[in-house]
Amino acid sequence: MEFDRLVRRIRAEFEEMPGLRLTLAQAARLWGLDHEACRAVVDALVGTSFLRWTPMGTIARIDD
């Protein structure tokens, strides 16, 4: 799957589910990605200030 399309899909899932918080392992399983691909998508969304890492080690939307 094209990387940009994957980033848009995962961003949309966080927009549709306010309060969603996932560990990297949970996210990889949910989206059917290997760890490296999942990390790349999360890093891209963190880099655009859409997602953030929580103190608990989960990913969440910045505005949550």
PDB file of N, CA and C in Angstrom:
ATOM      1  N   MET A   1       0.856  -1.188   0.000  1.00  0.00           N
ATOM      2  CA  MET A   1       0.000   0.000   0.000  1.00  0.00           C
ATOM      3  C   MET A   1       0.892   1.238   0.000  1.00  0.00           C
ATOM      4  N   GLU A   2       0.499   2.227  -0.764  1.00  0.00           N
ATOM      5  CA  GLU A   2       1.255   3.466  -0.850  1.00  0.00           C
ATOM      6  C   GLU A   2       1.305   4.146   0.517  1.00  0.00           C
ATOM      7  N   PHE A   3       2.492   4.617   0.888  1.00  0.00           N
ATOM      8  CA  PHE A   3       2.712   5.182   2.219  1.00  0.00           C
ATOM      9  C   PHE A   3       1.774   6.343   2.523  1.00  0.00           C
ATOM     10  N   ASP A   4       1.639   7.296   1.608  1.00  0.00           N
ATOM     11  CA  ASP A   4       0.785   8.465   1.864  1.00  0.00           C
ATOM     12  C   ASP A   4      -0.669   8.064   2.071  1.00  0.00           C
ATOM     13  N   ARG A   5      -1.126   7.087   1.316  1.00  0.00           N
ATOM     14  CA  ARG A   5      -2.507   6.619   1.475  1.00  0.00           C
ATOM     15  C   ARG A   5      -2.690   5.940   2.830  1.00  0.00           C
ATOM     16  N   LEU A   6      -1.682   5.194   3.249  1.00  0.00           N
ATOM     17  CA  LEU A   6      -1.713   4.539   4.556  1.00  0.00           C
ATOM     18  C   LEU A   6      -1.750   5.579   5.682  1.00  0.00           C
ATOM     19  N   VAL A   7      -0.961   6.618   5.566  1.00  0.00           N
ATOM     20  CA  VAL A   7      -0.958   7.693   6.565  1.00  0.00           C
ATOM     21  C   VAL A   7      -2.340   8.345   6.637  1.00  0.00           C
ATOM     22  N   ARG A   8      -2.945   8.607   5.481  1.00  0.00           N
ATOM     23  CA  ARG A   8      -4.283   9.222   5.467  1.00  0.00           C
ATOM     24  C   ARG A   8      -5.319   8.299   6.095  1.00  0.00           C
ATOM     25  N   ARG A   9      -5.221   7.010   5.814  1.00  0.00           N
ATOM     26  CA  ARG A   9      -6.176   6.046   6.374  1.00  0.00           C
ATOM     27  C   ARG A   9      -6.087   5.996   7.899  1.00  0.00           C
ATOM     28  N   ILE A  10      -4.871   5.954   8.407  1.00  0.00           N
ATOM     29  CA  ILE A  10      -4.691   5.860   9.857  1.00  0.00           C
ATOM     30  C   ILE A  10      -5.079   7.179  10.525  1.00  0.00           C
ATOM     31  N   ARG A  11      -4.777   8.273   9.890  1.00  0.00           N
ATOM     32  CA  ARG A  11      -5.221   9.568  10.422  1.00  0.00           C
ATOM     33  C   ARG A  11      -6.741   9.600  10.514  1.00  0.00           C
ATOM     34  N   ALA A  12      -7.415   9.118   9.482  1.00  0.00           N
ATOM     35  CA  ALA A  12      -8.880   9.093   9.471  1.00  0.00           C
ATOM     36  C   ALA A  12      -9.420   8.220  10.604  1.00  0.00           C
ATOM     37  N   GLU A  13      -8.759   7.123  10.897  1.00  0.00           N
ATOM     38  CA  GLU A  13      -9.221   6.258  11.988  1.00  0.00           C
ATOM     39  C   GLU A  13      -9.123   6.977  13.333  1.00  0.00           C
ATOM     40  N   PHE A  14      -8.064   7.728  13.544  1.00  0.00           N
ATOM     41  CA  PHE A  14      -7.954   8.502  14.785  1.00  0.00           C
ATOM     42  C   PHE A  14      -8.992   9.619  14.831  1.00  0.00           C
ATOM     43  N   GLU A  15      -9.329  10.198  13.676  1.00  0.00           N
ATOM     44  CA  GLU A  15     -10.355  11.238  13.643  1.00  0.00           C
ATOM     45  C   GLU A  15     -11.736  10.655  13.936  1.00  0.00           C
ATOM     46  N   GLU A  16     -11.985   9.436  13.478  1.00  0.00           N
ATOM     47  CA  GLU A  16     -13.290   8.791  13.671  1.00  0.00           C
ATOM     48  C   GLU A  16     -13.478   8.253  15.086  1.00  0.00           C
ATOM     49  N   MET A  17     -12.384   8.017  15.791  1.00  0.00           N
ATOM     50  CA  MET A  17     -12.458   7.424  17.127  1.00  0.00           C
ATOM     51  C   MET A  17     -11.762   8.320  18.148  1.00  0.00           C
ATOM     52  N   PRO A  18     -12.414   9.401  18.573  1.00  0.00           N
ATOM     53  CA  PRO A  18     -11.802  10.278  19.576  1.00  0.00           C
ATOM     54  C   PRO A  18     -11.437   9.476  20.827  1.00  0.00           C
ATOM     55  N   GLY A  19     -10.295   9.785  21.388  1.00  0.00           N
ATOM     56  CA  GLY A  19      -9.846   9.096  22.593  1.00  0.00           C
ATOM     57  C   GLY A  19      -9.078   7.813  22.326  1.00  0.00           C
ATOM     58  N   LEU A  20      -8.904   7.446  21.048  1.00  0.00           N
ATOM     59  CA  LEU A  20      -8.168   6.227  20.720  1.00  0.00           C
ATOM     60  C   LEU A  20      -6.718   6.354  21.176  1.00  0.00           C
ATOM     61  N   ARG A  21      -6.270   5.376  21.920  1.00  0.00           N
ATOM     62  CA  ARG A  21      -4.876   5.311  22.366  1.00  0.00           C
ATOM     63  C   ARG A  21      -4.399   3.889  22.169  1.00  0.00           C
ATOM     64  N   LEU A  22      -3.272   3.741  21.505  1.00  0.00           N
ATOM     65  CA  LEU A  22      -2.740   2.427  21.188  1.00  0.00           C
ATOM     66  C   LEU A  22      -1.242   2.375  21.438  1.00  0.00           C
ATOM     67  N   THR A  23      -0.770   1.202  21.843  1.00  0.00           N
ATOM     68  CA  THR A  23       0.670   0.990  21.841  1.00  0.00           C
ATOM     69  C   THR A  23       1.072   0.745  20.390  1.00  0.00           C
ATOM     70  N   LEU A  24       2.346   0.794  20.120  1.00  0.00           N
ATOM     71  CA  LEU A  24       2.813   0.533  18.763  1.00  0.00           C
ATOM     72  C   LEU A  24       2.454  -0.891  18.344  1.00  0.00           C
ATOM     73  N   ALA A  25       2.586  -1.847  19.253  1.00  0.00           N
ATOM     74  CA  ALA A  25       2.243  -3.242  18.940  1.00  0.00           C
ATOM     75  C   ALA A  25       0.755  -3.380  18.637  1.00  0.00           C
ATOM     76  N   GLN A  26      -0.092  -2.731  19.416  1.00  0.00           N
ATOM     77  CA  GLN A  26      -1.535  -2.777  19.168  1.00  0.00           C
ATOM     78  C   GLN A  26      -1.869  -2.157  17.814  1.00  0.00           C
ATOM     79  N   ALA A  27      -1.245  -1.031  17.516  1.00  0.00           N
ATOM     80  CA  ALA A  27      -1.489  -0.349  16.247  1.00  0.00           C
ATOM     81  C   ALA A  27      -1.080  -1.231  15.076  1.00  0.00           C
ATOM     82  N   ALA A  28       0.069  -1.860  15.179  1.00  0.00           N
ATOM     83  CA  ALA A  28       0.543  -2.732  14.098  1.00  0.00           C
ATOM     84  C   ALA A  28      -0.439  -3.877  13.861  1.00  0.00           C
ATOM     85  N   ARG A  29      -0.931  -4.489  14.929  1.00  0.00           N
ATOM     86  CA  ARG A  29      -1.914  -5.576  14.788  1.00  0.00           C
ATOM     87  C   ARG A  29      -3.221  -5.062  14.191  1.00  0.00           C
ATOM     88  N   LEU A  30      -3.709  -3.923  14.683  1.00  0.00           N
ATOM     89  CA  LEU A  30      -4.970  -3.368  14.211  1.00  0.00           C
ATOM     90  C   LEU A  30      -4.927  -3.088  12.714  1.00  0.00           C
ATOM     91  N   TRP A  31      -3.843  -2.530  12.247  1.00  0.00           N
ATOM     92  CA  TRP A  31      -3.737  -2.125  10.853  1.00  0.00           C
ATOM     93  C   TRP A  31      -3.059  -3.155   9.961  1.00  0.00           C
ATOM     94  N   GLY A  32      -2.647  -4.284  10.544  1.00  0.00           N
ATOM     95  CA  GLY A  32      -2.031  -5.343   9.751  1.00  0.00           C
ATOM     96  C   GLY A  32      -0.690  -4.950   9.160  1.00  0.00           C
ATOM     97  N   LEU A  33       0.108  -4.210   9.952  1.00  0.00           N
ATOM     98  CA  LEU A  33       1.418  -3.739   9.487  1.00  0.00           C
ATOM     99  C   LEU A  33       2.531  -4.402  10.276  1.00  0.00           C
ATOM    100  N   ASP A  34       3.699  -4.474   9.663  1.00  0.00           N
ATOM    101  CA  ASP A  34       4.850  -4.905  10.448  1.00  0.00           C
ATOM    102  C   ASP A  34       5.305  -3.731  11.310  1.00  0.00           C
ATOM    103  N   HIS A  35       6.143  -4.022  12.293  1.00  0.00           N
ATOM    104  CA  HIS A  35       6.553  -3.009  13.263  1.00  0.00           C
ATOM    105  C   HIS A  35       7.199  -1.803  12.587  1.00  0.00           C
ATOM    106  N   GLU A  36       8.076  -2.034  11.633  1.00  0.00           N
ATOM    107  CA  GLU A  36       8.787  -0.923  10.975  1.00  0.00           C
ATOM    108  C   GLU A  36       7.834  -0.025  10.202  1.00  0.00           C
ATOM    109  N   ALA A  37       6.904  -0.610   9.464  1.00  0.00           N
ATOM    110  CA  ALA A  37       5.948   0.190   8.687  1.00  0.00           C
ATOM    111  C   ALA A  37       5.045   0.989   9.618  1.00  0.00           C
ATOM    112  N   CYS A  38       4.602   0.353  10.688  1.00  0.00           N
ATOM    113  CA  CYS A  38       3.745   1.040  11.647  1.00  0.00           C
ATOM    114  C   CYS A  38       4.487   2.212  12.285  1.00  0.00           C
ATOM    115  N   ARG A  39       5.719   1.974  12.668  1.00  0.00           N
ATOM    116  CA  ARG A  39       6.514   3.041  13.286  1.00  0.00           C
ATOM    117  C   ARG A  39       6.708   4.203  12.315  1.00  0.00           C
ATOM    118  N   ALA A  40       6.918   3.904  11.035  1.00  0.00           N
ATOM    119  CA  ALA A  40       7.107   4.960  10.037  1.00  0.00           C
ATOM    120  C   ALA A  40       5.848   5.813   9.907  1.00  0.00           C
ATOM    121  N   VAL A  41       4.674   5.170   9.900  1.00  0.00           N
ATOM    122  CA  VAL A  41       3.416   5.906   9.802  1.00  0.00           C
ATOM    123  C   VAL A  41       3.203   6.759  11.056  1.00  0.00           C
ATOM    124  N   VAL A  42       3.422   6.167  12.216  1.00  0.00           N
ATOM    125  CA  VAL A  42       3.255   6.909  13.471  1.00  0.00           C
ATOM    126  C   VAL A  42       4.234   8.084  13.510  1.00  0.00           C
ATOM    127  N   ASP A  43       5.475   7.849  13.138  1.00  0.00           N
ATOM    128  CA  ASP A  43       6.463   8.937  13.121  1.00  0.00           C
ATOM    129  C   ASP A  43       6.024  10.069  12.195  1.00  0.00           C
ATOM    130  N   ALA A  44       5.451   9.714  11.044  1.00  0.00           N
ATOM    131  CA  ALA A  44       4.984  10.736  10.105  1.00  0.00           C
ATOM    132  C   ALA A  44       3.861  11.556  10.734  1.00  0.00           C
ATOM    133  N   LEU A  45       2.937  10.892  11.419  1.00  0.00           N
ATOM    134  CA  LEU A  45       1.818  11.606  12.035  1.00  0.00           C
ATOM    135  C   LEU A  45       2.240  12.388  13.281  1.00  0.00           C
ATOM    136  N   VAL A  46       3.240  11.915  13.982  1.00  0.00           N
ATOM    137  CA  VAL A  46       3.807  12.681  15.098  1.00  0.00           C
ATOM    138  C   VAL A  46       4.522  13.912  14.528  1.00  0.00           C
ATOM    139  N   GLY A  47       5.229  13.728  13.426  1.00  0.00           N
ATOM    140  CA  GLY A  47       5.965  14.821  12.794  1.00  0.00           C
ATOM    141  C   GLY A  47       5.080  15.942  12.288  1.00  0.00           C
ATOM    142  N   THR A  48       3.828  15.622  11.971  1.00  0.00           N
ATOM    143  CA  THR A  48       2.891  16.659  11.513  1.00  0.00           C
ATOM    144  C   THR A  48       2.060  17.213  12.663  1.00  0.00           C
ATOM    145  N   SER A  49       2.408  16.815  13.882  1.00  0.00           N
ATOM    146  CA  SER A  49       1.711  17.260  15.100  1.00  0.00           C
ATOM    147  C   SER A  49       0.249  16.829  15.130  1.00  0.00           C
ATOM    148  N   PHE A  50      -0.038  15.676  14.531  1.00  0.00           N
ATOM    149  CA  PHE A  50      -1.383  15.112  14.626  1.00  0.00           C
ATOM    150  C   PHE A  50      -1.450  14.097  15.774  1.00  0.00           C
ATOM    151  N   LEU A  51      -0.422  13.266  15.898  1.00  0.00           N
ATOM    152  CA  LEU A  51      -0.340  12.299  16.988  1.00  0.00           C
ATOM    153  C   LEU A  51       0.771  12.699  17.940  1.00  0.00           C
ATOM    154  N   ARG A  52       0.717  12.118  19.134  1.00  0.00           N
ATOM    155  CA  ARG A  52       1.776  12.329  20.132  1.00  0.00           C
ATOM    156  C   ARG A  52       1.972  11.033  20.897  1.00  0.00           C
ATOM    157  N   TRP A  53       3.129  10.905  21.511  1.00  0.00           N
ATOM    158  CA  TRP A  53       3.400   9.802  22.425  1.00  0.00           C
ATOM    159  C   TRP A  53       2.966  10.236  23.815  1.00  0.00           C
ATOM    160  N   THR A  54       2.216   9.396  24.489  1.00  0.00           N
ATOM    161  CA  THR A  54       1.782   9.701  25.850  1.00  0.00           C
ATOM    162  C   THR A  54       2.850   9.215  26.828  1.00  0.00           C
ATOM    163  N   PRO A  55       2.806   9.684  28.067  1.00  0.00           N
ATOM    164  CA  PRO A  55       3.741   9.191  29.076  1.00  0.00           C
ATOM    165  C   PRO A  55       3.614   7.678  29.320  1.00  0.00           C
ATOM    166  N   MET A  56       2.455   7.104  28.977  1.00  0.00           N
ATOM    167  CA  MET A  56       2.230   5.663  29.156  1.00  0.00           C
ATOM    168  C   MET A  56       2.780   4.842  27.990  1.00  0.00           C
ATOM    169  N   GLY A  57       3.350   5.519  26.978  1.00  0.00           N
ATOM    170  CA  GLY A  57       3.912   4.801  25.832  1.00  0.00           C
ATOM    171  C   GLY A  57       2.900   4.452  24.756  1.00  0.00           C
ATOM    172  N   THR A  58       1.779   5.158  24.740  1.00  0.00           N
ATOM    173  CA  THR A  58       0.787   4.946  23.711  1.00  0.00           C
ATOM    174  C   THR A  58       0.792   6.132  22.755  1.00  0.00           C
ATOM    175  N   ILE A  59       0.150   5.941  21.606  1.00  0.00           N
ATOM    176  CA  ILE A  59      -0.020   7.045  20.666  1.00  0.00           C
ATOM    177  C   ILE A  59      -1.446   7.545  20.785  1.00  0.00           C
ATOM    178  N   ALA A  60      -1.603   8.852  20.691  1.00  0.00           N
ATOM    179  CA  ALA A  60      -2.909   9.491  20.799  1.00  0.00           C
ATOM    180  C   ALA A  60      -2.890  10.766  19.976  1.00  0.00           C
ATOM    181  N   ARG A  61      -4.088  11.248  19.656  1.00  0.00           N
ATOM    182  CA  ARG A  61      -4.172  12.528  18.965  1.00  0.00           C
ATOM    183  C   ARG A  61      -3.651  13.638  19.860  1.00  0.00           C
ATOM    184  N   ILE A  62      -3.055  14.631  19.271  1.00  0.00           N
ATOM    185  CA  ILE A  62      -2.522  15.779  20.002  1.00  0.00           C
ATOM    186  C   ILE A  62      -3.611  16.446  20.837  1.00  0.00           C
ATOM    187  N   ASP A  63      -4.816  16.558  20.277  1.00  0.00           N
ATOM    188  CA  ASP A  63      -5.877  17.287  20.968  1.00  0.00           C
ATOM    189  C   ASP A  63      -6.647  16.441  21.977  1.00  0.00           C
ATOM    190  N   ASP A  64      -6.214  15.215  22.223  1.00  0.00           N
ATOM    191  CA  ASP A  64      -6.838  14.379  23.259  1.00  0.00           C
ATOM    192  C   ASP A  64      -6.181  14.609  24.608  1.00  0.00           C
TER     193      ASP A  64
END
